C-alpha atoms as a PDB file:
ATOM      1  CA  MET A   1       0.077   0.182   0.211  1.00  0.00           C
ATOM      2  CA  SER A   2       1.140   3.351  -0.778  1.00  0.00           C
ATOM      3  CA  SER A   3       2.329   5.521   2.226  1.00  0.00           C
ATOM      4  CA  ASN A   4       0.672   8.343   0.852  1.00  0.00           C
ATOM      5  CA  LEU A   5      -2.421   6.904   1.151  1.00  0.00           C
ATOM      6  CA  LYS A   6      -1.857   5.236   5.073  1.00  0.00           C
ATOM      7  CA  ASN A   7       0.441   5.935   7.636  1.00  0.00           C
ATOM      8  CA  LEU A   8       3.529   3.469   7.954  1.00  0.00           C
ATOM      9  CA  SER A   9       3.325   3.849  11.985  1.00  0.00           C
ATOM     10  CA  GLU A  10      -0.169   3.399  12.829  1.00  0.00           C
ATOM     11  CA  PHE A  11      -1.123   0.417  13.239  1.00  0.00           C
ATOM     12  CA  ASP A  12      -4.253  -1.319  16.134  1.00  0.00           C
ATOM     13  CA  LYS A  13      -1.956  -1.950  18.687  1.00  0.00           C
ATOM     14  CA  SER A  14      -5.019  -4.400  20.035  1.00  0.00           C
ATOM     15  CA  GLN A  15      -4.504  -6.752  16.509  1.00  0.00           C
ATOM     16  CA  VAL A  16      -0.718  -7.018  17.588  1.00  0.00           C
ATOM     17  CA  PRO A  17       0.094 -10.411  19.171  1.00  0.00           C
ATOM     18  CA  ASP A  18       2.750 -10.527  22.235  1.00  0.00           C
ATOM     19  CA  ALA A  19       6.356 -10.171  21.544  1.00  0.00           C
ATOM     20  CA  THR A  20       7.944 -12.151  24.609  1.00  0.00           C
ATOM     21  CA  ASP A  21       8.539 -15.374  23.481  1.00  0.00           C
ATOM     22  CA  MET A  22      10.029 -14.342  20.001  1.00  0.00           C
ATOM     23  CA  GLU A  23      13.563 -13.149  18.864  1.00  0.00           C
ATOM     24  CA  PHE A  24      14.383 -10.849  15.745  1.00  0.00           C
ATOM     25  CA  GLY A  25      17.020 -10.158  13.666  1.00  0.00           C
ATOM     26  CA  ILE A  26      17.794  -6.695  12.421  1.00  0.00           C
ATOM     27  CA  VAL A  27      19.976  -6.117   9.326  1.00  0.00           C
ATOM     28  CA  VAL A  28      20.799  -2.698   8.940  1.00  0.00           C
ATOM     29  CA  SER A  29      22.234  -1.055   5.918  1.00  0.00           C
ATOM     30  CA  GLU A  30      24.912   1.185   6.405  1.00  0.00           C
ATOM     31  CA  TRP A  31      24.447   2.684   3.265  1.00  0.00           C
ATOM     32  CA  HIS A  32      21.799   6.330   3.912  1.00  0.00           C
ATOM     33  CA  ASN A  33      22.604   5.308   7.203  1.00  0.00           C
ATOM     34  CA  ASP A  34      20.759   8.612   9.261  1.00  0.00           C
ATOM     35  CA  ILE A  35      17.483   7.160   7.435  1.00  0.00           C
ATOM     36  CA  THR A  36      18.597   3.325   8.523  1.00  0.00           C
ATOM     37  CA  GLU A  37      19.558   4.226  11.939  1.00  0.00           C
ATOM     38  CA  ALA A  38      16.033   6.225  11.794  1.00  0.00           C
ATOM     39  CA  LEU A  39      13.860   3.181  10.624  1.00  0.00           C
ATOM     40  CA  TYR A  40      15.932   0.200  12.871  1.00  0.00           C
ATOM     41  CA  GLU A  41      14.969   2.911  15.956  1.00  0.00           C
ATOM     42  CA  GLY A  42      10.710   2.852  14.603  1.00  0.00           C
ATOM     43  CA  ALA A  43      11.683  -1.289  14.475  1.00  0.00           C
ATOM     44  CA  TYR A  44      13.312  -1.686  18.137  1.00  0.00           C
ATOM     45  CA  ASN A  45      11.017   0.325  19.894  1.00  0.00           C
ATOM     46  CA  THR A  46       8.392  -1.385  18.005  1.00  0.00           C
ATOM     47  CA  LEU A  47       9.264  -4.675  19.260  1.00  0.00           C
ATOM     48  CA  VAL A  48      10.202  -3.420  22.553  1.00  0.00           C
ATOM     49  CA  GLU A  49       6.689  -1.881  23.634  1.00  0.00           C
ATOM     50  CA  ASN A  50       5.310  -5.234  22.616  1.00  0.00           C
ATOM     51  CA  GLY A  51       7.249  -7.386  24.574  1.00  0.00           C
ATOM     52  CA  ALA A  52      10.277  -8.224  23.097  1.00  0.00           C
ATOM     53  CA  THR A  53      13.268  -8.136  24.767  1.00  0.00           C
ATOM     54  CA  ASP A  54      16.432  -6.280  23.993  1.00  0.00           C
ATOM     55  CA  GLU A  55      18.315 -10.072  24.616  1.00  0.00           C
ATOM     56  CA  ASN A  56      16.198 -11.127  21.861  1.00  0.00           C
ATOM     57  CA  ILE A  57      17.015  -8.750  19.107  1.00  0.00           C
ATOM     58  CA  LYS A  58      20.051  -9.086  17.255  1.00  0.00           C
ATOM     59  CA  LYS A  59      21.282  -5.991  15.376  1.00  0.00           C
ATOM     60  CA  ILE A  60      24.091  -6.440  12.071  1.00  0.00           C
ATOM     61  CA  TYR A  61      25.224  -4.004   9.772  1.00  0.00           C
ATOM     62  CA  VAL A  62      26.064  -4.576   6.570  1.00  0.00           C
ATOM     63  CA  PRO A  63      27.708  -2.174   4.261  1.00  0.00           C
ATOM     64  CA  GLY A  64      24.610  -1.537   1.704  1.00  0.00           C
ATOM     65  CA  SER A  65      21.175  -2.256   0.909  1.00  0.00           C
ATOM     66  CA  PHE A  66      22.634  -5.225  -1.817  1.00  0.00           C
ATOM     67  CA  GLU A  67      24.360  -6.858   0.922  1.00  0.00           C
ATOM     68  CA  LEU A  68      21.126  -6.871   3.010  1.00  0.00           C
ATOM     69  CA  PRO A  69      19.928 -10.723   1.955  1.00  0.00           C
ATOM     70  CA  MET A  70      23.427 -12.184   2.427  1.00  0.00           C
ATOM     71  CA  GLY A  71      23.194 -10.565   6.385  1.00  0.00           C
ATOM     72  CA  ALA A  72      20.095 -12.263   6.859  1.00  0.00           C
ATOM     73  CA  GLN A  73      20.983 -15.401   5.675  1.00  0.00           C
ATOM     74  CA  LEU A  74      23.774 -15.007   8.424  1.00  0.00           C
ATOM     75  CA  LEU A  75      21.452 -14.089  10.796  1.00  0.00           C
ATOM     76  CA  ILE A  76      19.558 -17.445   9.972  1.00  0.00           C
ATOM     77  CA  GLN A  77      21.989 -19.748   9.605  1.00  0.00           C
ATOM     78  CA  LYS A  78      24.203 -18.289  12.967  1.00  0.00           C
ATOM     79  CA  THR A  79      21.441 -17.407  15.159  1.00  0.00           C
ATOM     80  CA  ASP A  80      18.170 -18.878  16.453  1.00  0.00           C
ATOM     81  CA  VAL A  81      15.768 -16.477  15.265  1.00  0.00           C
ATOM     82  CA  ASP A  82      12.284 -16.389  14.750  1.00  0.00           C
ATOM     83  CA  ALA A  83      12.593 -13.830  12.263  1.00  0.00           C
ATOM     84  CA  VAL A  84      14.498 -11.261  10.453  1.00  0.00           C
ATOM     85  CA  ILE A  85      13.990  -7.894   9.752  1.00  0.00           C
ATOM     86  CA  ILE A  86      15.870  -6.457   6.452  1.00  0.00           C
ATOM     87  CA  LEU A  87      16.245  -2.391   6.495  1.00  0.00           C
ATOM     88  CA  GLY A  88      17.536  -0.204   4.087  1.00  0.00           C
ATOM     89  CA  CYS A  89      17.567   2.598   1.669  1.00  0.00           C
ATOM     90  CA  VAL A  90      17.837   3.506  -1.945  1.00  0.00           C
ATOM     91  CA  ILE A  91      17.191   6.358  -3.999  1.00  0.00           C
ATOM     92  CA  LYS A  92      17.024   6.587  -7.075  1.00  0.00           C
ATOM     93  CA  GLY A  93      19.493   8.262  -8.888  1.00  0.00           C
ATOM     94  CA  GLU A  94      20.354   9.102 -12.956  1.00  0.00           C
ATOM     95  CA  THR A  95      21.655   5.132 -13.834  1.00  0.00           C
ATOM     96  CA  PRO A  96      19.914   2.238 -13.653  1.00  0.00           C
ATOM     97  CA  HIS A  97      21.930   0.601 -10.389  1.00  0.00           C
ATOM     98  CA  PHE A  98      18.636   1.941  -8.401  1.00  0.00           C
ATOM     99  CA  ASP A  99      16.961  -0.594 -10.416  1.00  0.00           C
ATOM    100  CA  TYR A 100      19.661  -3.637 -10.350  1.00  0.00           C
ATOM    101  CA  VAL A 101      19.580  -2.957  -6.626  1.00  0.00           C
ATOM    102  CA  CYS A 102      16.339  -3.081  -5.689  1.00  0.00           C
ATOM    103  CA  GLN A 103      15.586  -6.282  -8.025  1.00  0.00           C
ATOM    104  CA  GLY A 104      18.409  -8.007  -6.416  1.00  0.00           C
ATOM    105  CA  VAL A 105      17.383  -6.713  -2.764  1.00  0.00           C
ATOM    106  CA  THR A 106      13.801  -8.060  -3.635  1.00  0.00           C
ATOM    107  CA  LYS A 107      14.591 -11.011  -5.221  1.00  0.00           C
ATOM    108  CA  GLY A 108      17.168 -12.262  -2.219  1.00  0.00           C
ATOM    109  CA  ILE A 109      14.380 -11.412   0.333  1.00  0.00           C
ATOM    110  CA  VAL A 110      12.014 -13.942  -1.323  1.00  0.00           C
ATOM    111  CA  ASP A 111      14.204 -16.271  -1.843  1.00  0.00           C
ATOM    112  CA  LEU A 112      15.166 -16.805   1.999  1.00  0.00           C
ATOM    113  CA  ASN A 113      11.623 -16.569   2.769  1.00  0.00           C
ATOM    114  CA  LEU A 114      10.934 -19.335   0.601  1.00  0.00           C
ATOM    115  CA  LYS A 115      14.210 -21.278   1.772  1.00  0.00           C
ATOM    116  CA  PHE A 116      14.754 -21.084   5.335  1.00  0.00           C
ATOM    117  CA  ASN A 117      10.343 -20.994   6.045  1.00  0.00           C
ATOM    118  CA  LEU A 118      11.425 -18.414   8.009  1.00  0.00           C
ATOM    119  CA  PRO A 119       9.851 -14.770   8.006  1.00  0.00           C
ATOM    120  CA  VAL A 120      12.477 -11.821   6.340  1.00  0.00           C
ATOM    121  CA  ILE A 121      10.698  -9.073   5.978  1.00  0.00           C
ATOM    122  CA  PHE A 122      11.153  -6.339   3.599  1.00  0.00           C
ATOM    123  CA  GLY A 123      11.859  -3.127   5.535  1.00  0.00           C
ATOM    124  CA  LEU A 124      13.682  -1.135   2.309  1.00  0.00           C
ATOM    125  CA  LEU A 125      12.700   2.388   0.977  1.00  0.00           C
ATOM    126  CA  THR A 126      12.521   2.755  -2.143  1.00  0.00           C
ATOM    127  CA  THR A 127      12.511   6.522  -3.022  1.00  0.00           C
ATOM    128  CA  GLU A 128      13.171   8.415  -5.711  1.00  0.00           C
ATOM    129  CA  THR A 129      14.560  11.522  -3.636  1.00  0.00           C
ATOM    130  CA  LEU A 130      16.260  12.131  -0.202  1.00  0.00           C
ATOM    131  CA  GLU A 131      12.580  13.827   1.269  1.00  0.00           C
ATOM    132  CA  GLN A 132      10.398  10.724   0.303  1.00  0.00           C
ATOM    133  CA  ALA A 133      12.881   8.548   2.371  1.00  0.00           C
ATOM    134  CA  GLN A 134      12.894  11.092   5.162  1.00  0.00           C
ATOM    135  CA  ASP A 135       8.688  10.794   5.392  1.00  0.00           C
ATOM    136  CA  ARG A 136       9.432   7.202   5.593  1.00  0.00           C
ATOM    137  CA  ALA A 137      12.303   6.982   8.174  1.00  0.00           C
ATOM    138  CA  GLY A 138       9.733   8.909  10.456  1.00  0.00           C
ATOM    139  CA  GLY A 139       8.803  12.169   9.073  1.00  0.00           C
ATOM    140  CA  LYS A 140       5.149  12.515   7.398  1.00  0.00           C
ATOM    141  CA  HIS A 141       4.134   9.210   6.144  1.00  0.00           C
ATOM    142  CA  GLY A 142       5.557   7.266   9.428  1.00  0.00           C
ATOM    143  CA  ASN A 143       7.955   4.962   9.998  1.00  0.00           C
ATOM    144  CA  LYS A 144       8.834   2.247   7.716  1.00  0.00           C
ATOM    145  CA  GLY A 145      11.218  -0.123  10.514  1.00  0.00           C
ATOM    146  CA  VAL A 146       7.381   0.388  12.217  1.00  0.00           C
ATOM    147  CA  GLU A 147       5.550  -1.289   9.929  1.00  0.00           C
ATOM    148  CA  ALA A 148       8.241  -4.037   9.488  1.00  0.00           C
ATOM    149  CA  ALA A 149       8.639  -4.729  13.004  1.00  0.00           C
ATOM    150  CA  ILE A 150       4.877  -4.831  13.362  1.00  0.00           C
ATOM    151  CA  THR A 151       4.935  -7.974   9.712  1.00  0.00           C
ATOM    152  CA  ALA A 152       7.520  -9.548  11.477  1.00  0.00           C
ATOM    153  CA  ILE A 153       5.539 -10.066  15.078  1.00  0.00           C
ATOM    154  CA  LYS A 154       2.543 -11.177  12.762  1.00  0.00           C
ATOM    155  CA  MET A 155       4.520 -13.101  10.870  1.00  0.00           C
ATOM    156  CA  CYS A 156       6.150 -15.190  13.666  1.00  0.00           C
ATOM    157  CA  ASP A 157       2.307 -15.531  15.498  1.00  0.00           C
ATOM    158  CA  LEU A 158       0.738 -16.536  12.512  1.00  0.00           C
ATOM    159  CA  GLU A 159       3.763 -19.439  12.367  1.00  0.00           C
ATOM    160  CA  ASP A 160       2.753 -20.671  15.931  1.00  0.00           C
ATOM    161  CA  GLN A 161      -0.803 -20.684  14.673  1.00  0.00           C
ATOM    162  CA  ILE A 162      -0.499 -22.990  12.321  1.00  0.00           C
ATOM    163  CA  TYR A 163       1.457 -25.120  14.303  1.00  0.00           C
ATOM    164  CA  ASP A 164      -1.243 -25.122  16.796  1.00  0.00           C
ATOM    165  CA  PHE A 165      -3.539 -26.846  13.985  1.00  0.00           C
ATOM    166  CA  ASP A 166      -4.964 -30.178  14.547  1.00  0.00           C
ATOM    167  CA  GLU A 167      -2.014 -32.347  13.425  1.00  0.00           C
ATOM    168  CA  ASP A 168      -3.837 -34.662  12.136  1.00  0.00           C
ATOM    169  CA  PHE A 169      -4.693 -32.155   9.967  1.00  0.00           C
ATOM    170  CA  PHE A 170      -1.512 -32.161   8.321  1.00  0.00           C
ATOM    171  CA  ASP A 171      -0.433 -35.989   8.363  1.00  0.00           C
ATOM    172  CA  ASP A 172      -3.329 -36.489   6.313  1.00  0.00           C
ATOM    173  CA  ASP A 173      -1.581 -37.456   2.589  1.00  0.00           C
ATOM    174  CA  GLU A 174      -4.207 -37.264   0.636  1.00  0.00           C
ATOM    175  CA  LEU A 175      -4.098 -33.412   1.087  1.00  0.00           C
ATOM    176  CA  PHE A 176      -0.604 -33.539  -0.201  1.00  0.00           C
ATOM    177  CA  GLU A 177      -1.231 -35.887  -3.517  1.00  0.00           C
ATOM    178  CA  GLU A 178      -0.678 -34.152  -6.924  1.00  0.00           C
END
């Protein structure tokens, strides 16, 4: 949804599950550091406000947005996180670099979600201008980091809900026949 139609920081707190027993990884791009740190603050504060503890939030940095999928993969492979949030910012310039970076990160995140069956949340700003990025990193359109944190909590909870289904439901081989 376009952030000019909905503030990225607004959510119904009653609809957010408790994150007390959840562990999160956050991968932050060092490129456009003022923007990505604002995204991190939004994500971190939202996780804590919803029950996550400081000990259950692991933060790592990568040099740029293109490296976000690799950072997420390392967190998944080397830690015991329930979800990973990637935070970065790509601002369009005069060359096609923007398109390559955005497409690469998007594909990398999709691949990680499917490969590891673990939520990897897309918190990448893809904007035309620095002002648009600032507007989405705590400015007039809210904070994409907040939205990413809420998404991570909800996806972890969704996984818990699915595991709580009657196990016989998943043991029925007929459901999975082609």
